[in-house]
Amino acid sequence: MVGFKYKQTQSVNDEALRDYFGKLAEADRHIKTGDGRGGDFLGWRDLGVRPGSEEHVRIKAAAEKIRANSDVLLVIGIGGSYLGARAVIEYLKTPYHNQLKTGDPEVYFIGNSFSGSEFNAVMSLCEGKRVSVNVISKSGTTTESAVAFRLVREYMESRYGKKEAAERTYATTDARRGALKSLADAEGYECFVIPDDVGGRFSVLTAVGLLPAAVAGIDTDALLKGACDERERLLNSGTANAAYEYAVARNIMLDAGKTSEVLVSYDPDFRFMGEWYKQLFGESEGKENKGLFPASVTYSSDLHSLGQFVQEGSKVLFETIVRPVNADPSSPVVPNDAANGDGLNFLSGSTMDMINEKAMMGTLLAHRDGGTESLIIEFGGKDAYSLGELIYFFFISCAASGYILGVNPFDQPGVEAYKKNMFALLGKPGYEQGKEELEKKISEI
């Protein structure tokens, strides 16, 4: 179960929370009945894939096939088509999972930028290794991932021939339509579904996230069980639950003049969970000139770079600390040193986790004394079940926070603006009209 604490803040208190009851009740109704803006994109609420479902059985079977015949899985996607999967793998398996000799396939994520050097570097890691591909796109026309897949498809077919390349390629896409679905049907790729009613940033608990995670050796049954259990707790508790408290607290902070929320973890393995959180809340709330700017940091390392600003800079931000409550039994213990040249014998016998916890509490108190307020989200820790709980907690919090804010939490109209300019500058058919004007503006920069 995920918990939420706010007592250490000045802005958030029981009275302030009560002031939002009307808006929260309305948000709760929108989430449970689908009568709000974007209500046709609530498929994540009941989970895009249920543990033990036919789709989950197919996902696990494909993952076992990849694990048996491949040393590398290339995952091609951008935004919600890769952030959640990478976040789950890096948190549960560490960012070094590809270098560790665990027996699990290496998983690399490409197609999330136009960097040719990054693409070349990843492809060089495939040399001498057996490769499979999971291309993820609702439409198949998202430019970054479509360009990467065109290149990878050529590589796979030249290396394996069309038949075996097709057998090693898995498409996660629309159930019925789109360029990728048409290509997959024509080439014979095994397909998995991105549900029509689940947006990309809410798709980590569908085949989008589950297939790469399962290939990496993650227990997706436990991941989904955690999400299912958190769902039951949150949707059966009325408006009195931790996810709703967090959603309201964010809006209280915004009304108090804060413009940014910084998600804080004291575990470097959590870094991509922070990246996923930024997309989840940034795309859901950043519209109609509203919303908090979502950022993320890893302490204590970032205390040696951003810590000065957080402590004494302008008070435009608040922190949300994500804190695992279960200790890691494998955490190293600081040994005693007879010479004590570094003066650290006062830490002898302490685990690194215990030191990390004291660093967190000391930092929270210092930041509070400096005028920076902190919220705390508590969850079990580094296991698939607890992470499933946390992911679903963020789903519900994000939807409720967006509805309280007064926006549609499930669209992203602003994302298309850069694409129109890019297509015009690249000469895509149908976008010719704006090219000359854009090139004139570029010449004036």
Protein backbone atom coordinates (compact mmCIF):
# COMPACT_ATOMS: atom_id res chain seq x y z
CA MET A 1 0.00 0.00 0.00
CA VAL A 2 1.29 3.46 -0.92
CA GLY A 3 1.19 6.17 1.74
CA PHE A 4 1.34 9.96 1.66
CA LYS A 5 2.59 12.44 4.26
CA TYR A 6 2.17 16.21 4.28
CA LYS A 7 2.37 17.23 7.95
CA GLN A 8 5.85 18.71 7.53
CA THR A 9 4.54 21.40 5.14
CA GLN A 10 3.01 24.76 5.93
CA SER A 11 0.79 25.08 2.87
CA VAL A 12 -0.86 21.65 3.09
CA ASN A 13 -2.96 20.94 6.15
CA ASP A 14 -6.28 19.31 7.00
CA GLU A 15 -8.21 22.56 6.54
CA ALA A 16 -6.67 23.23 3.13
CA LEU A 17 -7.48 19.69 2.04
CA ARG A 18 -11.11 20.12 3.12
CA ASP A 19 -11.40 23.27 1.01
CA TYR A 20 -10.91 21.12 -2.09
CA PHE A 21 -13.54 18.54 -1.22
CA GLY A 22 -16.01 19.70 -3.88
CA LYS A 23 -13.45 19.60 -6.68
CA LEU A 24 -12.12 16.27 -5.45
CA ALA A 25 -15.58 14.72 -5.33
CA GLU A 26 -16.13 15.83 -8.93
CA ALA A 27 -12.75 14.41 -9.98
CA ASP A 28 -13.58 11.14 -8.26
CA ARG A 29 -16.85 10.93 -10.16
CA HIS A 30 -15.11 11.62 -13.49
CA ILE A 31 -12.59 8.84 -12.83
CA LYS A 32 -15.16 6.28 -11.74
CA THR A 33 -17.92 7.02 -14.27
CA GLY A 34 -16.00 8.43 -17.23
CA ASP A 35 -18.26 11.49 -17.49
CA GLY A 36 -15.38 14.01 -17.54
CA ARG A 37 -13.21 15.38 -20.32
CA GLY A 38 -11.16 12.59 -21.86
CA GLY A 39 -13.41 9.96 -20.28
CA ASP A 40 -12.91 7.65 -23.25
CA PHE A 41 -9.23 7.23 -22.23
CA LEU A 42 -9.79 5.58 -18.86
CA GLY A 43 -8.77 2.07 -19.92
CA TRP A 44 -5.78 2.19 -17.55
CA ARG A 45 -8.19 2.50 -14.60
CA ASP A 46 -9.13 -1.18 -14.80
CA LEU A 47 -5.64 -2.10 -16.10
CA GLY A 48 -4.85 -2.50 -19.76
CA VAL A 49 -3.73 -6.09 -19.06
CA ARG A 50 -4.95 -8.20 -16.17
CA PRO A 51 -2.71 -10.85 -14.58
CA GLY A 52 -3.53 -14.23 -16.05
CA SER A 53 -5.50 -12.79 -18.96
CA GLU A 54 -5.09 -14.18 -22.47
CA GLU A 55 -3.01 -11.15 -23.49
CA HIS A 56 -0.74 -11.54 -20.46
CA VAL A 57 -0.23 -15.25 -21.23
CA ARG A 58 0.75 -14.33 -24.81
CA ILE A 59 3.13 -11.64 -23.58
CA LYS A 60 4.88 -14.04 -21.23
CA ALA A 61 5.12 -16.72 -23.93
CA ALA A 62 6.71 -14.26 -26.37
CA ALA A 63 9.10 -13.09 -23.66
CA GLU A 64 10.20 -16.67 -22.97
CA LYS A 65 10.76 -17.22 -26.69
CA ILE A 66 12.92 -14.07 -26.89
CA ARG A 67 14.82 -15.07 -23.74
CA ALA A 68 15.53 -18.47 -25.28
CA ASN A 69 16.71 -17.36 -28.73
CA SER A 70 18.12 -13.85 -28.19
CA ASP A 71 20.95 -12.13 -26.39
CA VAL A 72 19.60 -8.63 -27.14
CA LEU A 73 16.14 -7.11 -27.39
CA LEU A 74 15.96 -3.78 -29.22
CA VAL A 75 12.92 -1.80 -28.06
CA ILE A 76 11.94 0.91 -30.53
CA GLY A 77 9.62 3.64 -29.25
CA ILE A 78 9.40 7.15 -27.88
CA GLY A 79 7.57 8.81 -24.98
CA GLY A 80 5.10 6.47 -23.37
CA SER A 81 6.23 3.74 -25.73
CA TYR A 82 9.52 3.38 -23.88
CA LEU A 83 9.75 5.47 -20.69
CA GLY A 84 7.63 3.20 -18.51
CA ALA A 85 9.34 -0.01 -19.62
CA ARG A 86 12.80 1.46 -19.15
CA ALA A 87 11.81 2.85 -15.74
CA VAL A 88 10.56 -0.52 -14.52
CA ILE A 89 13.62 -2.40 -15.80
CA GLU A 90 16.19 0.07 -14.47
CA TYR A 91 14.58 0.33 -11.04
CA LEU A 92 14.13 -3.39 -10.48
CA LYS A 93 17.23 -4.58 -12.37
CA THR A 94 19.50 -1.49 -11.95
CA PRO A 95 20.76 0.66 -14.87
CA TYR A 96 23.67 -1.80 -15.15
CA HIS A 97 21.46 -4.79 -15.99
CA ASN A 98 22.92 -5.04 -19.50
CA GLN A 99 26.46 -5.34 -18.13
CA LEU A 100 25.65 -7.77 -15.32
CA LYS A 101 25.99 -11.45 -16.16
CA THR A 102 22.52 -12.48 -15.01
CA GLY A 103 21.57 -14.67 -17.95
CA ASP A 104 18.81 -12.24 -18.95
CA PRO A 105 18.90 -10.69 -22.45
CA GLU A 106 20.28 -7.19 -22.77
CA VAL A 107 17.52 -4.64 -23.44
CA TYR A 108 18.33 -1.45 -25.34
CA PHE A 109 15.93 1.41 -26.10
CA ILE A 110 16.24 3.26 -29.40
CA GLY A 111 13.99 5.36 -31.61
CA ASN A 112 13.52 8.03 -28.93
CA SER A 113 15.73 10.65 -30.60
CA PHE A 114 17.29 11.51 -33.96
CA SER A 115 20.84 10.95 -32.68
CA GLY A 116 22.76 8.97 -35.26
CA SER A 117 25.70 8.45 -32.91
CA GLU A 118 23.47 6.89 -30.25
CA PHE A 119 21.83 4.63 -32.83
CA ASN A 120 25.22 3.51 -34.15
CA ALA A 121 26.51 2.86 -30.64
CA VAL A 122 23.54 0.64 -29.75
CA MET A 123 23.78 -1.28 -33.02
CA SER A 124 27.47 -1.90 -32.40
CA LEU A 125 26.49 -3.60 -29.13
CA CYS A 126 24.54 -6.16 -31.19
CA GLU A 127 27.61 -7.45 -33.01
CA GLY A 128 28.06 -11.18 -32.47
CA LYS A 129 24.81 -11.45 -30.52
CA ARG A 130 21.40 -12.88 -31.32
CA VAL A 131 18.88 -10.03 -31.71
CA SER A 132 15.12 -9.61 -31.48
CA VAL A 133 13.11 -6.42 -31.94
CA ASN A 134 10.02 -4.98 -30.24
CA VAL A 135 8.71 -1.96 -32.17
CA ILE A 136 6.10 0.02 -30.24
CA SER A 137 3.86 2.63 -31.87
CA LYS A 138 0.12 3.17 -31.98
CA SER A 139 0.24 4.50 -35.53
CA GLY A 140 3.62 3.43 -36.82
CA THR A 141 4.26 6.90 -38.19
CA THR A 142 5.85 8.63 -35.19
CA THR A 143 8.94 9.94 -36.92
CA GLU A 144 11.69 9.18 -34.38
CA SER A 145 10.69 5.55 -33.91
CA ALA A 146 9.65 5.02 -37.56
CA VAL A 147 13.08 6.14 -38.81
CA ALA A 148 14.83 3.86 -36.31
CA PHE A 149 12.62 0.91 -37.25
CA ARG A 150 13.29 1.40 -40.96
CA LEU A 151 17.02 1.17 -40.23
CA VAL A 152 16.66 -1.78 -37.86
CA ARG A 153 14.39 -3.63 -40.25
CA GLU A 154 17.03 -3.33 -42.97
CA TYR A 155 19.67 -4.59 -40.52
CA MET A 156 17.56 -7.56 -39.39
CA GLU A 157 16.61 -8.62 -42.92
CA SER A 158 20.18 -8.35 -44.21
CA ARG A 159 21.43 -10.38 -41.25
CA TYR A 160 18.71 -13.00 -40.89
CA GLY A 161 16.74 -12.88 -44.14
CA LYS A 162 13.11 -11.77 -44.33
CA LYS A 163 11.56 -14.91 -42.82
CA GLU A 164 13.69 -15.17 -39.68
CA ALA A 165 13.77 -11.37 -39.27
CA ALA A 166 9.97 -11.42 -39.19
CA GLU A 167 10.00 -14.21 -36.60
CA ARG A 168 12.31 -12.08 -34.44
CA THR A 169 10.18 -8.91 -34.72
CA TYR A 170 7.29 -8.14 -32.38
CA ALA A 171 4.94 -5.20 -32.97
CA THR A 172 3.03 -3.52 -30.14
CA THR A 173 0.46 -1.35 -31.88
CA ASP A 174 -3.20 -0.66 -32.63
CA ALA A 175 -5.47 -3.70 -32.74
CA ARG A 176 -6.95 -2.94 -36.15
CA ARG A 177 -5.41 -0.04 -38.06
CA GLY A 178 -2.34 2.08 -38.69
CA ALA A 179 0.87 1.83 -40.70
CA LEU A 180 2.62 -0.47 -38.22
CA LYS A 181 -0.36 -2.81 -37.94
CA SER A 182 -0.58 -3.06 -41.74
CA LEU A 183 3.15 -3.77 -42.04
CA ALA A 184 3.03 -6.32 -39.22
CA ASP A 185 0.17 -8.18 -40.88
CA ALA A 186 1.94 -8.14 -44.24
CA GLU A 187 5.28 -9.34 -42.83
CA GLY A 188 3.89 -11.78 -40.25
CA TYR A 189 5.15 -10.09 -37.07
CA GLU A 190 3.56 -11.26 -33.84
CA CYS A 191 1.39 -8.38 -32.58
CA PHE A 192 0.40 -7.08 -29.17
CA VAL A 193 -2.24 -4.45 -28.55
CA ILE A 194 -2.07 -0.89 -27.33
CA PRO A 195 -5.68 -0.48 -26.16
CA ASP A 196 -7.70 2.29 -27.81
CA ASP A 197 -8.65 3.71 -24.42
CA VAL A 198 -5.13 3.86 -22.94
CA GLY A 199 -2.85 6.78 -23.77
CA GLY A 200 0.89 6.26 -24.11
CA ARG A 201 1.89 7.71 -20.76
CA PHE A 202 -0.59 5.39 -19.02
CA SER A 203 0.45 2.29 -21.00
CA VAL A 204 3.26 0.80 -18.91
CA LEU A 205 0.92 -1.90 -17.55
CA THR A 206 -0.04 -3.03 -21.06
CA ALA A 207 2.10 -4.96 -23.54
CA VAL A 208 3.98 -1.68 -24.10
CA GLY A 209 5.78 -2.09 -20.79
CA LEU A 210 5.13 -5.71 -19.90
CA LEU A 211 6.86 -7.39 -22.86
CA PRO A 212 10.25 -5.65 -22.44
CA ALA A 213 10.00 -6.06 -18.66
CA ALA A 214 9.29 -9.79 -18.95
CA VAL A 215 12.21 -10.24 -21.36
CA ALA A 216 14.44 -8.55 -18.76
CA GLY A 217 13.37 -11.17 -16.22
CA ILE A 218 10.89 -9.11 -14.23
CA ASP A 219 7.97 -10.86 -12.53
CA THR A 220 5.09 -9.21 -14.41
CA ASP A 221 2.55 -11.25 -12.43
CA ALA A 222 3.73 -9.52 -9.25
CA LEU A 223 3.89 -6.13 -10.99
CA LEU A 224 0.27 -6.43 -12.12
CA LYS A 225 -0.85 -7.90 -8.78
CA GLY A 226 0.53 -4.87 -6.99
CA ALA A 227 -1.32 -2.56 -9.36
CA CYS A 228 -4.54 -4.57 -9.00
CA ASP A 229 -4.40 -4.48 -5.22
CA GLU A 230 -3.69 -0.75 -5.17
CA ARG A 231 -6.59 -0.24 -7.58
CA GLU A 232 -8.99 -2.05 -5.26
CA ARG A 233 -7.87 0.00 -2.27
CA LEU A 234 -8.07 3.34 -4.05
CA LEU A 235 -11.31 2.88 -5.98
CA ASN A 236 -13.14 1.43 -2.98
CA SER A 237 -12.14 4.10 -0.46
CA GLY A 238 -14.35 6.98 -1.59
CA THR A 239 -12.38 10.21 -1.61
CA ALA A 240 -10.36 9.41 1.51
CA ASN A 241 -7.16 7.92 0.16
CA ALA A 242 -3.48 8.78 -0.21
CA ALA A 243 -3.58 9.20 -4.00
CA TYR A 244 -6.30 11.83 -3.77
CA GLU A 245 -4.54 13.58 -0.90
CA TYR A 246 -1.43 13.86 -3.05
CA ALA A 247 -3.46 15.16 -6.01
CA VAL A 248 -5.05 17.84 -3.84
CA ALA A 249 -1.73 18.74 -2.19
CA ARG A 250 -0.19 19.43 -5.61
CA ASN A 251 -2.99 21.86 -6.43
CA ILE A 252 -2.69 23.52 -3.03
CA MET A 253 0.99 24.10 -3.73
CA LEU A 254 0.16 25.55 -7.14
CA ASP A 255 -2.38 27.92 -5.61
CA ALA A 256 0.23 28.92 -3.02
CA GLY A 257 2.45 30.21 -5.81
CA LYS A 258 4.67 27.21 -6.48
CA THR A 259 5.39 26.69 -10.16
CA SER A 260 7.44 23.47 -10.07
CA GLU A 261 7.32 20.09 -8.38
CA VAL A 262 10.59 18.21 -7.97
CA LEU A 263 10.28 14.45 -7.56
CA VAL A 264 13.09 13.33 -5.26
CA SER A 265 14.57 9.87 -4.91
CA TYR A 266 17.62 8.82 -2.94
CA ASP A 267 18.18 5.83 -5.23
CA PRO A 268 19.97 6.32 -8.58
CA ASP A 269 18.11 3.27 -9.90
CA PHE A 270 14.91 5.35 -9.68
CA ARG A 271 16.13 7.90 -12.22
CA PHE A 272 13.97 6.70 -15.11
CA MET A 273 10.93 6.47 -12.86
CA GLY A 274 11.48 10.21 -12.53
CA GLU A 275 11.63 10.53 -16.32
CA TRP A 276 8.35 8.59 -16.61
CA TYR A 277 6.74 10.78 -13.91
CA LYS A 278 7.74 13.91 -15.86
CA GLN A 279 5.91 12.71 -18.95
CA LEU A 280 2.91 11.47 -16.97
CA PHE A 281 2.27 14.76 -15.19
CA GLY A 282 3.79 17.11 -17.79
CA GLU A 283 1.61 15.91 -20.68
CA SER A 284 -1.45 15.48 -18.48
CA GLU A 285 -1.49 18.93 -16.86
CA GLY A 286 0.64 21.26 -18.97
CA LYS A 287 -2.08 22.86 -21.07
CA GLU A 288 -4.37 25.91 -21.14
CA ASN A 289 -1.49 27.85 -19.51
CA LYS A 290 -1.91 25.78 -16.35
CA GLY A 291 -0.04 23.19 -14.35
CA LEU A 292 3.09 22.60 -12.31
CA PHE A 293 6.37 22.06 -14.14
CA PRO A 294 7.53 18.51 -13.23
CA ALA A 295 11.22 17.92 -12.60
CA SER A 296 13.16 15.11 -10.94
CA VAL A 297 16.42 14.78 -9.03
CA THR A 298 18.48 12.08 -7.39
CA TYR A 299 19.80 12.90 -3.95
CA SER A 300 22.32 12.90 -2.44
CA SER A 301 24.29 13.40 -5.69
CA ASP A 302 22.12 16.32 -6.86
CA LEU A 303 22.50 17.98 -3.46
CA HIS A 304 26.02 18.75 -4.66
CA SER A 305 24.69 20.56 -7.73
CA LEU A 306 21.09 21.76 -7.23
CA GLY A 307 21.09 21.58 -3.44
CA GLN A 308 22.19 25.20 -3.05
CA PHE A 309 19.26 26.43 -5.14
CA VAL A 310 16.74 24.25 -3.35
CA GLN A 311 18.04 25.42 0.02
CA GLU A 312 18.39 29.16 -0.60
CA GLY A 313 17.12 29.97 -4.10
CA SER A 314 13.78 31.45 -5.13
CA LYS A 315 10.88 29.58 -3.56
CA VAL A 316 9.20 28.52 -6.78
CA LEU A 317 9.30 24.79 -6.11
CA PHE A 318 8.34 22.10 -3.65
CA GLU A 319 9.72 18.59 -3.31
CA THR A 320 7.91 15.26 -3.38
CA ILE A 321 10.15 12.60 -1.84
CA VAL A 322 9.56 8.99 -2.93
CA ARG A 323 10.66 6.83 -0.02
CA PRO A 324 10.85 3.02 0.07
CA VAL A 325 10.11 1.73 3.57
CA ASN A 326 11.54 -1.81 3.33
CA ALA A 327 15.25 -2.06 4.05
CA ASP A 328 17.53 -3.80 1.58
CA PRO A 329 19.08 -6.80 3.39
CA SER A 330 22.04 -6.75 0.99
CA SER A 331 23.00 -3.15 1.76
CA PRO A 332 26.78 -2.99 2.48
CA VAL A 333 27.92 -2.39 6.06
CA VAL A 334 30.61 0.22 6.77
CA PRO A 335 33.64 -1.55 8.29
CA ASN A 336 35.72 -0.32 11.20
CA ASP A 337 39.16 1.14 10.41
CA ALA A 338 41.72 1.08 13.23
CA ALA A 339 43.53 4.14 11.88
CA ASN A 340 40.26 6.07 11.32
CA GLY A 341 42.10 8.43 8.99
CA ASP A 342 38.86 9.55 7.36
CA GLY A 343 37.13 10.04 10.71
CA LEU A 344 34.26 7.74 9.75
CA ASN A 345 34.41 5.19 12.54
CA PHE A 346 31.25 6.73 13.96
CA LEU A 347 29.54 5.01 11.00
CA SER A 348 31.09 1.59 11.65
CA GLY A 349 28.39 -1.09 11.57
CA SER A 350 25.92 1.14 9.74
CA THR A 351 24.44 0.03 6.43
CA MET A 352 24.54 2.36 3.46
CA ASP A 353 20.72 2.28 3.43
CA MET A 354 20.64 3.57 7.01
CA ILE A 355 23.05 6.38 6.13
CA ASN A 356 20.88 7.21 3.12
CA GLU A 357 17.79 7.40 5.34
CA LYS A 358 19.50 9.82 7.75
CA ALA A 359 20.68 11.90 4.79
CA MET A 360 17.07 12.09 3.59
CA MET A 361 15.71 13.19 6.95
CA GLY A 362 18.51 15.69 7.49
CA THR A 363 17.97 17.18 4.04
CA LEU A 364 14.20 17.40 4.49
CA LEU A 365 14.63 19.32 7.75
CA ALA A 366 17.28 21.62 6.27
CA HIS A 367 15.12 22.41 3.24
CA ARG A 368 12.09 23.02 5.44
CA ASP A 369 14.10 25.44 7.57
CA GLY A 370 15.18 27.14 4.34
CA GLY A 371 11.58 27.58 3.20
CA THR A 372 11.26 24.67 0.74
CA GLU A 373 8.28 22.45 1.51
CA SER A 374 8.36 18.68 1.08
CA LEU A 375 5.71 16.02 0.56
CA ILE A 376 6.48 12.32 1.09
CA ILE A 377 5.17 9.31 -0.84
CA GLU A 378 5.99 5.99 0.84
CA PHE A 379 5.89 2.58 -0.84
CA GLY A 380 7.24 -0.89 -0.18
CA GLY A 381 10.51 -0.84 -2.03
CA LYS A 382 12.53 -2.51 -4.75
CA ASP A 383 10.25 -5.39 -5.73
CA ALA A 384 7.82 -5.80 -8.61
CA TYR A 385 4.70 -5.89 -6.43
CA SER A 386 5.52 -2.61 -4.65
CA LEU A 387 6.43 -0.92 -7.92
CA GLY A 388 3.08 -1.97 -9.40
CA GLU A 389 1.37 -0.33 -6.43
CA LEU A 390 3.35 2.88 -6.93
CA ILE A 391 2.65 3.05 -10.66
CA TYR A 392 -1.09 2.74 -10.12
CA PHE A 393 -0.93 5.31 -7.31
CA PHE A 394 0.60 7.79 -9.75
CA PHE A 395 -2.04 6.95 -12.39
CA ILE A 396 -4.92 7.82 -10.05
CA SER A 397 -3.14 10.86 -8.58
CA CYS A 398 -2.42 12.26 -12.03
CA ALA A 399 -5.98 11.84 -13.29
CA ALA A 400 -7.47 13.39 -10.14
CA SER A 401 -4.96 16.25 -10.10
CA GLY A 402 -5.72 17.10 -13.73
CA TYR A 403 -9.46 17.15 -13.14
CA ILE A 404 -9.03 19.31 -10.01
CA LEU A 405 -6.88 21.67 -12.10
CA GLY A 406 -9.69 21.88 -14.67
CA VAL A 407 -7.97 20.33 -17.69
CA ASN A 408 -8.39 17.16 -19.71
CA PRO A 409 -5.71 14.88 -18.21
CA PHE A 410 -5.66 12.55 -21.20
CA ASP A 411 -4.96 14.67 -24.30
CA GLN A 412 -1.76 16.38 -25.46
CA PRO A 413 -2.67 18.88 -28.18
CA GLY A 414 0.56 20.85 -27.82
CA VAL A 415 2.75 17.91 -28.78
CA GLU A 416 1.80 18.33 -32.45
CA ALA A 417 3.19 21.87 -32.78
CA TYR A 418 6.85 20.89 -33.17
CA LYS A 419 5.93 18.09 -35.57
CA LYS A 420 4.23 20.46 -38.03
CA ASN A 421 7.29 22.69 -38.18
CA MET A 422 9.67 19.74 -38.44
CA PHE A 423 7.67 18.12 -41.25
CA ALA A 424 7.55 21.40 -43.18
CA LEU A 425 11.31 21.90 -42.86
CA LEU A 426 11.97 18.30 -43.92
CA GLY A 427 9.76 18.66 -46.98
CA LYS A 428 7.08 16.14 -46.03
CA PRO A 429 4.27 16.11 -48.65
CA GLY A 430 1.33 18.18 -47.51
CA TYR A 431 3.41 20.53 -45.35
CA GLU A 432 4.97 22.64 -48.13
CA GLN A 433 3.03 25.81 -47.38
CA GLY A 434 4.85 26.73 -44.17
CA LYS A 435 8.38 25.81 -45.26
CA GLU A 436 9.37 29.13 -46.81
CA GLU A 437 8.07 31.13 -43.86
CA LEU A 438 9.85 28.89 -41.36
CA GLU A 439 13.13 29.07 -43.23
CA LYS A 440 12.89 32.86 -43.24
CA LYS A 441 12.43 32.84 -39.48
CA ILE A 442 15.43 30.53 -39.11
CA SER A 443 17.60 32.88 -41.16
CA GLU A 444 16.75 35.69 -38.72
CA ILE A 445 17.81 33.74 -35.63
